[in-house]
Amino acid sequence: MSEAMVEQEFTVRSELGLHARPAGKLASVAGRFAAEVTLGRGDEWVSGTSVLSILCLAATQGTTLTVRAVGDDAEQAVMEVGALIEAPD
């Protein structure tokens, strides 16, 4: 039986972009899921559980990021991580 894969685009809403504090929270939330969470910007994909990798995406306000999760709880993982990306602050 194959694992579920869910992918959706989200836009960074915070005026400060995806800086250290929200990146840390995002990595923490992504790490709670059994699904493997990755974030993409264009052709660059990084682990959703690595704060430094998330920061390397240099996601400023208005940046579109793709959240991809593979695993049993993939849909919930994408929705929760996406909500953090789109949080205004």
PDB file of N, CA and C in Angstrom:
ATOM      1  N   MET A   1       0.849  -1.187   0.000  1.00  0.00           N
ATOM      2  CA  MET A   1       0.000   0.000   0.000  1.00  0.00           C
ATOM      3  C   MET A   1       0.893   1.248   0.000  1.00  0.00           C
ATOM      4  N   SER A   2       0.619   2.154  -0.913  1.00  0.00           N
ATOM      5  CA  SER A   2       1.451   3.360  -1.009  1.00  0.00           C
ATOM      6  C   SER A   2       1.012   4.404   0.009  1.00  0.00           C
ATOM      7  N   GLU A   3       1.979   5.227   0.396  1.00  0.00           N
ATOM      8  CA  GLU A   3       1.703   6.287   1.356  1.00  0.00           C
ATOM      9  C   GLU A   3       1.067   7.474   0.640  1.00  0.00           C
ATOM     10  N   ALA A   4       0.237   8.195   1.380  1.00  0.00           N
ATOM     11  CA  ALA A   4      -0.424   9.378   0.826  1.00  0.00           C
ATOM     12  C   ALA A   4       0.580  10.501   0.636  1.00  0.00           C
ATOM     13  N   MET A   5       0.445  11.240  -0.476  1.00  0.00           N
ATOM     14  CA  MET A   5       1.238  12.439  -0.688  1.00  0.00           C
ATOM     15  C   MET A   5       0.272  13.595  -0.912  1.00  0.00           C
ATOM     16  N   VAL A   6       0.496  14.668  -0.163  1.00  0.00           N
ATOM     17  CA  VAL A   6      -0.334  15.866  -0.284  1.00  0.00           C
ATOM     18  C   VAL A   6       0.600  17.031  -0.524  1.00  0.00           C
ATOM     19  N   GLU A   7       0.213  17.919  -1.443  1.00  0.00           N
ATOM     20  CA  GLU A   7       1.035  19.079  -1.775  1.00  0.00           C
ATOM     21  C   GLU A   7       0.120  20.270  -1.998  1.00  0.00           C
ATOM     22  N   GLN A   8       0.494  21.418  -1.422  1.00  0.00           N
ATOM     23  CA  GLN A   8      -0.310  22.626  -1.592  1.00  0.00           C
ATOM     24  C   GLN A   8       0.590  23.854  -1.475  1.00  0.00           C
ATOM     25  N   GLU A   9       0.208  24.928  -2.187  1.00  0.00           N
ATOM     26  CA  GLU A   9       0.955  26.184  -2.137  1.00  0.00           C
ATOM     27  C   GLU A   9       0.356  27.124  -1.108  1.00  0.00           C
ATOM     28  N   PHE A  10       1.247  27.863  -0.435  1.00  0.00           N
ATOM     29  CA  PHE A  10       0.850  28.851   0.564  1.00  0.00           C
ATOM     30  C   PHE A  10       1.699  30.096   0.347  1.00  0.00           C
ATOM     31  N   THR A  11       1.182  31.249   0.757  1.00  0.00           N
ATOM     32  CA  THR A  11       1.896  32.512   0.603  1.00  0.00           C
ATOM     33  C   THR A  11       2.268  33.068   1.970  1.00  0.00           C
ATOM     34  N   VAL A  12       3.521  33.475   2.110  1.00  0.00           N
ATOM     35  CA  VAL A  12       4.000  34.068   3.359  1.00  0.00           C
ATOM     36  C   VAL A  12       3.295  35.410   3.545  1.00  0.00           C
ATOM     37  N   ARG A  13       2.597  35.573   4.663  1.00  0.00           N
ATOM     38  CA  ARG A  13       1.814  36.787   4.916  1.00  0.00           C
ATOM     39  C   ARG A  13       2.522  37.760   5.861  1.00  0.00           C
ATOM     40  N   SER A  14       3.379  37.258   6.728  1.00  0.00           N
ATOM     41  CA  SER A  14       4.024  38.103   7.728  1.00  0.00           C
ATOM     42  C   SER A  14       4.883  39.182   7.072  1.00  0.00           C
ATOM     43  N   GLU A  15       4.797  40.402   7.588  1.00  0.00           N
ATOM     44  CA  GLU A  15       5.619  41.504   7.075  1.00  0.00           C
ATOM     45  C   GLU A  15       7.106  41.200   7.213  1.00  0.00           C
ATOM     46  N   LEU A  16       7.464  40.422   8.220  1.00  0.00           N
ATOM     47  CA  LEU A  16       8.871  40.094   8.463  1.00  0.00           C
ATOM     48  C   LEU A  16       9.324  38.849   7.700  1.00  0.00           C
ATOM     49  N   GLY A  17       8.422  38.210   7.003  1.00  0.00           N
ATOM     50  CA  GLY A  17       8.764  36.995   6.272  1.00  0.00           C
ATOM     51  C   GLY A  17       8.906  35.809   7.217  1.00  0.00           C
ATOM     52  N   LEU A  18       9.483  34.760   6.708  1.00  0.00           N
ATOM     53  CA  LEU A  18       9.652  33.530   7.489  1.00  0.00           C
ATOM     54  C   LEU A  18      11.019  33.587   8.165  1.00  0.00           C
ATOM     55  N   HIS A  19      11.119  34.395   9.224  1.00  0.00           N
ATOM     56  CA  HIS A  19      12.387  34.581   9.938  1.00  0.00           C
ATOM     57  C   HIS A  19      12.552  33.505  11.010  1.00  0.00           C
ATOM     58  N   ALA A  20      13.545  33.640  11.872  1.00  0.00           N
ATOM     59  CA  ALA A  20      13.952  32.581  12.796  1.00  0.00           C
ATOM     60  C   ALA A  20      12.828  32.057  13.689  1.00  0.00           C
ATOM     61  N   ARG A  21      12.083  32.935  14.331  1.00  0.00           N
ATOM     62  CA  ARG A  21      11.056  32.460  15.268  1.00  0.00           C
ATOM     63  C   ARG A  21       9.969  31.641  14.569  1.00  0.00           C
ATOM     64  N   PRO A  22       9.341  32.152  13.497  1.00  0.00           N
ATOM     65  CA  PRO A  22       8.328  31.325  12.840  1.00  0.00           C
ATOM     66  C   PRO A  22       8.921  30.075  12.171  1.00  0.00           C
ATOM     67  N   ALA A  23      10.164  30.163  11.700  1.00  0.00           N
ATOM     68  CA  ALA A  23      10.802  28.977  11.110  1.00  0.00           C
ATOM     69  C   ALA A  23      10.988  27.898  12.171  1.00  0.00           C
ATOM     70  N   GLY A  24      11.353  28.306  13.376  1.00  0.00           N
ATOM     71  CA  GLY A  24      11.505  27.353  14.475  1.00  0.00           C
ATOM     72  C   GLY A  24      10.184  26.707  14.846  1.00  0.00           C
ATOM     73  N   LYS A  25       9.139  27.506  14.892  1.00  0.00           N
ATOM     74  CA  LYS A  25       7.809  26.969  15.210  1.00  0.00           C
ATOM     75  C   LYS A  25       7.347  26.016  14.107  1.00  0.00           C
ATOM     76  N   LEU A  26       7.580  26.405  12.859  1.00  0.00           N
ATOM     77  CA  LEU A  26       7.200  25.571  11.727  1.00  0.00           C
ATOM     78  C   LEU A  26       7.920  24.223  11.783  1.00  0.00           C
ATOM     79  N   ALA A  27       9.226  24.246  12.041  1.00  0.00           N
ATOM     80  CA  ALA A  27      10.010  23.008  12.117  1.00  0.00           C
ATOM     81  C   ALA A  27       9.522  22.126  13.254  1.00  0.00           C
ATOM     82  N   SER A  28       9.163  22.737  14.371  1.00  0.00           N
ATOM     83  CA  SER A  28       8.653  21.991  15.514  1.00  0.00           C
ATOM     84  C   SER A  28       7.329  21.310  15.182  1.00  0.00           C
ATOM     85  N   VAL A  29       6.432  22.046  14.547  1.00  0.00           N
ATOM     86  CA  VAL A  29       5.135  21.477  14.161  1.00  0.00           C
ATOM     87  C   VAL A  29       5.325  20.372  13.130  1.00  0.00           C
ATOM     88  N   ALA A  30       6.161  20.605  12.129  1.00  0.00           N
ATOM     89  CA  ALA A  30       6.399  19.594  11.089  1.00  0.00           C
ATOM     90  C   ALA A  30       6.970  18.306  11.692  1.00  0.00           C
ATOM     91  N   GLY A  31       7.779  18.435  12.727  1.00  0.00           N
ATOM     92  CA  GLY A  31       8.392  17.278  13.365  1.00  0.00           C
ATOM     93  C   GLY A  31       7.439  16.429  14.176  1.00  0.00           C
ATOM     94  N   ARG A  32       6.253  16.943  14.467  1.00  0.00           N
ATOM     95  CA  ARG A  32       5.268  16.176  15.241  1.00  0.00           C
ATOM     96  C   ARG A  32       4.549  15.122  14.411  1.00  0.00           C
ATOM     97  N   PHE A  33       4.647  15.216  13.114  1.00  0.00           N
ATOM     98  CA  PHE A  33       3.894  14.313  12.242  1.00  0.00           C
ATOM     99  C   PHE A  33       4.728  13.114  11.813  1.00  0.00           C
ATOM    100  N   ALA A  34       4.040  12.023  11.559  1.00  0.00           N
ATOM    101  CA  ALA A  34       4.705  10.832  11.020  1.00  0.00           C
ATOM    102  C   ALA A  34       5.105  11.076   9.568  1.00  0.00           C
ATOM    103  N   ALA A  35       4.340  11.912   8.873  1.00  0.00           N
ATOM    104  CA  ALA A  35       4.625  12.216   7.471  1.00  0.00           C
ATOM    105  C   ALA A  35       5.934  12.997   7.349  1.00  0.00           C
ATOM    106  N   GLU A  36       6.634  12.775   6.249  1.00  0.00           N
ATOM    107  CA  GLU A  36       7.837  13.550   5.949  1.00  0.00           C
ATOM    108  C   GLU A  36       7.394  14.846   5.282  1.00  0.00           C
ATOM    109  N   VAL A  37       7.751  15.972   5.888  1.00  0.00           N
ATOM    110  CA  VAL A  37       7.325  17.282   5.395  1.00  0.00           C
ATOM    111  C   VAL A  37       8.508  17.985   4.734  1.00  0.00           C
ATOM    112  N   THR A  38       8.290  18.486   3.522  1.00  0.00           N
ATOM    113  CA  THR A  38       9.303  19.275   2.825  1.00  0.00           C
ATOM    114  C   THR A  38       8.662  20.573   2.349  1.00  0.00           C
ATOM    115  N   LEU A  39       9.503  21.602   2.224  1.00  0.00           N
ATOM    116  CA  LEU A  39       9.055  22.900   1.730  1.00  0.00           C
ATOM    117  C   LEU A  39       9.805  23.215   0.454  1.00  0.00           C
ATOM    118  N   GLY A  40       9.113  23.784  -0.503  1.00  0.00           N
ATOM    119  CA  GLY A  40       9.749  24.121  -1.763  1.00  0.00           C
ATOM    120  C   GLY A  40       9.511  25.561  -2.169  1.00  0.00           C
ATOM    121  N   ARG A  41      10.547  26.125  -2.767  1.00  0.00           N
ATOM    122  CA  ARG A  41      10.456  27.442  -3.386  1.00  0.00           C
ATOM    123  C   ARG A  41      11.116  27.302  -4.745  1.00  0.00           C
ATOM    124  N   GLY A  42      10.302  27.311  -5.788  1.00  0.00           N
ATOM    125  CA  GLY A  42      10.843  27.053  -7.125  1.00  0.00           C
ATOM    126  C   GLY A  42      11.368  25.621  -7.180  1.00  0.00           C
ATOM    127  N   ASP A  43      12.621  25.477  -7.607  1.00  0.00           N
ATOM    128  CA  ASP A  43      13.233  24.153  -7.717  1.00  0.00           C
ATOM    129  C   ASP A  43      13.964  23.723  -6.449  1.00  0.00           C
ATOM    130  N   GLU A  44      13.972  24.584  -5.432  1.00  0.00           N
ATOM    131  CA  GLU A  44      14.690  24.281  -4.197  1.00  0.00           C
ATOM    132  C   GLU A  44      13.735  23.657  -3.177  1.00  0.00           C
ATOM    133  N   TRP A  45      14.100  22.472  -2.675  1.00  0.00           N
ATOM    134  CA  TRP A  45      13.300  21.768  -1.674  1.00  0.00           C
ATOM    135  C   TRP A  45      14.156  21.524  -0.434  1.00  0.00           C
ATOM    136  N   VAL A  46      13.542  21.757   0.751  1.00  0.00           N
ATOM    137  CA  VAL A  46      14.258  21.562   2.006  1.00  0.00           C
ATOM    138  C   VAL A  46      13.378  20.796   2.990  1.00  0.00           C
ATOM    139  N   SER A  47      14.015  20.238   3.999  1.00  0.00           N
ATOM    140  CA  SER A  47      13.307  19.538   5.058  1.00  0.00           C
ATOM    141  C   SER A  47      12.478  20.531   5.871  1.00  0.00           C
ATOM    142  N   GLY A  48      11.246  20.163   6.148  1.00  0.00           N
ATOM    143  CA  GLY A  48      10.381  21.006   6.956  1.00  0.00           C
ATOM    144  C   GLY A  48      10.714  20.960   8.438  1.00  0.00           C
ATOM    145  N   THR A  49      11.638  20.084   8.819  1.00  0.00           N
ATOM    146  CA  THR A  49      12.000  19.970  10.234  1.00  0.00           C
ATOM    147  C   THR A  49      13.338  20.632  10.536  1.00  0.00           C
ATOM    148  N   SER A  50      13.961  21.266   9.557  1.00  0.00           N
ATOM    149  CA  SER A  50      15.263  21.906   9.735  1.00  0.00           C
ATOM    150  C   SER A  50      15.118  23.430   9.682  1.00  0.00           C
ATOM    151  N   VAL A  51      15.315  24.076  10.832  1.00  0.00           N
ATOM    152  CA  VAL A  51      15.189  25.528  10.906  1.00  0.00           C
ATOM    153  C   VAL A  51      16.151  26.205   9.927  1.00  0.00           C
ATOM    154  N   LEU A  52      17.409  25.772   9.916  1.00  0.00           N
ATOM    155  CA  LEU A  52      18.392  26.397   9.025  1.00  0.00           C
ATOM    156  C   LEU A  52      18.022  26.235   7.554  1.00  0.00           C
ATOM    157  N   SER A  53      17.511  25.072   7.196  1.00  0.00           N
ATOM    158  CA  SER A  53      17.101  24.850   5.809  1.00  0.00           C
ATOM    159  C   SER A  53      15.924  25.745   5.435  1.00  0.00           C
ATOM    160  N   ILE A  54      14.985  25.896   6.363  1.00  0.00           N
ATOM    161  CA  ILE A  54      13.829  26.762   6.112  1.00  0.00           C
ATOM    162  C   ILE A  54      14.295  28.200   5.920  1.00  0.00           C
ATOM    163  N   LEU A  55      15.217  28.644   6.764  1.00  0.00           N
ATOM    164  CA  LEU A  55      15.740  30.008   6.640  1.00  0.00           C
ATOM    165  C   LEU A  55      16.461  30.218   5.316  1.00  0.00           C
ATOM    166  N   CYS A  56      17.087  29.173   4.790  1.00  0.00           N
ATOM    167  CA  CYS A  56      17.799  29.277   3.510  1.00  0.00           C
ATOM    168  C   CYS A  56      16.859  29.545   2.328  1.00  0.00           C
ATOM    169  N   LEU A  57      15.567  29.304   2.516  1.00  0.00           N
ATOM    170  CA  LEU A  57      14.607  29.605   1.451  1.00  0.00           C
ATOM    171  C   LEU A  57      14.414  31.110   1.290  1.00  0.00           C
ATOM    172  N   ALA A  58      14.849  31.885   2.276  1.00  0.00           N
ATOM    173  CA  ALA A  58      14.751  33.354   2.234  1.00  0.00           C
ATOM    174  C   ALA A  58      13.350  33.805   1.820  1.00  0.00           C
ATOM    175  N   ALA A  59      12.358  33.287   2.528  1.00  0.00           N
ATOM    176  CA  ALA A  59      10.961  33.554   2.196  1.00  0.00           C
ATOM    177  C   ALA A  59      10.485  34.857   2.822  1.00  0.00           C
ATOM    178  N   THR A  60      10.453  35.907   2.013  1.00  0.00           N
ATOM    179  CA  THR A  60       9.964  37.206   2.459  1.00  0.00           C
ATOM    180  C   THR A  60       8.451  37.277   2.259  1.00  0.00           C
ATOM    181  N   GLN A  61       7.842  38.353   2.743  1.00  0.00           N
ATOM    182  CA  GLN A  61       6.405  38.531   2.581  1.00  0.00           C
ATOM    183  C   GLN A  61       6.046  38.440   1.098  1.00  0.00           C
ATOM    184  N   GLY A  62       5.006  37.667   0.806  1.00  0.00           N
ATOM    185  CA  GLY A  62       4.553  37.493  -0.572  1.00  0.00           C
ATOM    186  C   GLY A  62       5.141  36.290  -1.288  1.00  0.00           C
ATOM    187  N   THR A  63       6.144  35.653  -0.686  1.00  0.00           N
ATOM    188  CA  THR A  63       6.762  34.471  -1.293  1.00  0.00           C
ATOM    189  C   THR A  63       5.784  33.298  -1.260  1.00  0.00           C
ATOM    190  N   THR A  64       5.707  32.579  -2.362  1.00  0.00           N
ATOM    191  CA  THR A  64       4.875  31.377  -2.416  1.00  0.00           C
ATOM    192  C   THR A  64       5.755  30.166  -2.124  1.00  0.00           C
ATOM    193  N   LEU A  65       5.335  29.390  -1.136  1.00  0.00           N
ATOM    194  CA  LEU A  65       6.035  28.152  -0.780  1.00  0.00           C
ATOM    195  C   LEU A  65       5.101  26.976  -1.003  1.00  0.00           C
ATOM    196  N   THR A  66       5.654  25.879  -1.451  1.00  0.00           N
ATOM    197  CA  THR A  66       4.886  24.649  -1.599  1.00  0.00           C
ATOM    198  C   THR A  66       5.214  23.742  -0.426  1.00  0.00           C
ATOM    199  N   VAL A  67       4.182  23.246   0.229  1.00  0.00           N
ATOM    200  CA  VAL A  67       4.362  22.300   1.325  1.00  0.00           C
ATOM    201  C   VAL A  67       3.970  20.925   0.794  1.00  0.00           C
ATOM    202  N   ARG A  68       4.867  19.968   0.963  1.00  0.00           N
ATOM    203  CA  ARG A  68       4.616  18.594   0.520  1.00  0.00           C
ATOM    204  C   ARG A  68       4.808  17.667   1.713  1.00  0.00           C
ATOM    205  N   ALA A  69       3.877  16.759   1.895  1.00  0.00           N
ATOM    206  CA  ALA A  69       4.001  15.776   2.969  1.00  0.00           C
ATOM    207  C   ALA A  69       3.671  14.399   2.418  1.00  0.00           C
ATOM    208  N   VAL A  70       4.440  13.410   2.862  1.00  0.00           N
ATOM    209  CA  VAL A  70       4.231  12.035   2.444  1.00  0.00           C
ATOM    210  C   VAL A  70       4.127  11.181   3.698  1.00  0.00           C
ATOM    211  N   GLY A  71       3.001  10.507   3.855  1.00  0.00           N
ATOM    212  CA  GLY A  71       2.803   9.658   5.025  1.00  0.00           C
ATOM    213  C   GLY A  71       1.343   9.615   5.426  1.00  0.00           C
ATOM    214  N   ASP A  72       1.073   8.883   6.496  1.00  0.00           N
ATOM    215  CA  ASP A  72      -0.303   8.655   6.941  1.00  0.00           C
ATOM    216  C   ASP A  72      -1.052   9.929   7.301  1.00  0.00           C
ATOM    217  N   ASP A  73      -0.378  10.888   7.922  1.00  0.00           N
ATOM    218  CA  ASP A  73      -1.045  12.116   8.350  1.00  0.00           C
ATOM    219  C   ASP A  73      -0.640  13.307   7.479  1.00  0.00           C
ATOM    220  N   ALA A  74      -0.393  13.033   6.212  1.00  0.00           N
ATOM    221  CA  ALA A  74       0.108  14.055   5.285  1.00  0.00           C
ATOM    222  C   ALA A  74      -0.827  15.243   5.150  1.00  0.00           C
ATOM    223  N   GLU A  75      -2.118  14.995   5.021  1.00  0.00           N
ATOM    224  CA  GLU A  75      -3.061  16.100   4.819  1.00  0.00           C
ATOM    225  C   GLU A  75      -3.067  17.041   6.016  1.00  0.00           C
ATOM    226  N   GLN A  76      -3.107  16.486   7.219  1.00  0.00           N
ATOM    227  CA  GLN A  76      -3.093  17.325   8.417  1.00  0.00           C
ATOM    228  C   GLN A  76      -1.783  18.092   8.533  1.00  0.00           C
ATOM    229  N   ALA A  77      -0.674  17.440   8.198  1.00  0.00           N
ATOM    230  CA  ALA A  77       0.633  18.099   8.251  1.00  0.00           C
ATOM    231  C   ALA A  77       0.676  19.295   7.312  1.00  0.00           C
ATOM    232  N   VAL A  78       0.218  19.129   6.093  1.00  0.00           N
ATOM    233  CA  VAL A  78       0.226  20.224   5.108  1.00  0.00           C
ATOM    234  C   VAL A  78      -0.644  21.373   5.590  1.00  0.00           C
ATOM    235  N   MET A  79      -1.805  21.073   6.137  1.00  0.00           N
ATOM    236  CA  MET A  79      -2.714  22.130   6.571  1.00  0.00           C
ATOM    237  C   MET A  79      -2.145  22.907   7.758  1.00  0.00           C
ATOM    238  N   GLU A  80      -1.548  22.221   8.723  1.00  0.00           N
ATOM    239  CA  GLU A  80      -1.010  22.911   9.896  1.00  0.00           C
ATOM    240  C   GLU A  80       0.240  23.729   9.557  1.00  0.00           C
ATOM    241  N   VAL A  81       1.124  23.169   8.749  1.00  0.00           N
ATOM    242  CA  VAL A  81       2.322  23.909   8.343  1.00  0.00           C
ATOM    243  C   VAL A  81       1.914  25.086   7.463  1.00  0.00           C
ATOM    244  N   GLY A  82       0.987  24.874   6.568  1.00  0.00           N
ATOM    245  CA  GLY A  82       0.503  25.950   5.705  1.00  0.00           C
ATOM    246  C   GLY A  82      -0.121  27.094   6.497  1.00  0.00           C
ATOM    247  N   ALA A  83      -0.853  26.756   7.553  1.00  0.00           N
ATOM    248  CA  ALA A  83      -1.453  27.787   8.401  1.00  0.00           C
ATOM    249  C   ALA A  83      -0.371  28.660   9.048  1.00  0.00           C
ATOM    250  N   LEU A  84       0.742  28.060   9.425  1.00  0.00           N
ATOM    251  CA  LEU A  84       1.836  28.836  10.002  1.00  0.00           C
ATOM    252  C   LEU A  84       2.476  29.753   8.958  1.00  0.00           C
ATOM    253  N   ILE A  85       2.608  29.257   7.740  1.00  0.00           N
ATOM    254  CA  ILE A  85       3.186  30.073   6.661  1.00  0.00           C
ATOM    255  C   ILE A  85       2.303  31.286   6.386  1.00  0.00           C
ATOM    256  N   GLU A  86       0.997  31.086   6.426  1.00  0.00           N
ATOM    257  CA  GLU A  86       0.072  32.165   6.087  1.00  0.00           C
ATOM    258  C   GLU A  86      -0.341  33.018   7.288  1.00  0.00           C
ATOM    259  N   ALA A  87       0.195  32.713   8.480  1.00  0.00           N
ATOM    260  CA  ALA A  87      -0.126  33.518   9.666  1.00  0.00           C
ATOM    261  C   ALA A  87       0.399  34.940   9.450  1.00  0.00           C
ATOM    262  N   PRO A  88      -0.385  35.951   9.799  1.00  0.00           N
ATOM    263  CA  PRO A  88       0.042  37.328   9.554  1.00  0.00           C
ATOM    264  C   PRO A  88       1.262  37.748  10.372  1.00  0.00           C
ATOM    265  N   ASP A  89       1.465  37.160  11.541  1.00  0.00           N
ATOM    266  CA  ASP A  89       2.642  37.461  12.361  1.00  0.00           C
ATOM    267  C   ASP A  89       2.967  36.354  13.310  1.00  0.00           C
TER     268      ASP A  89
END
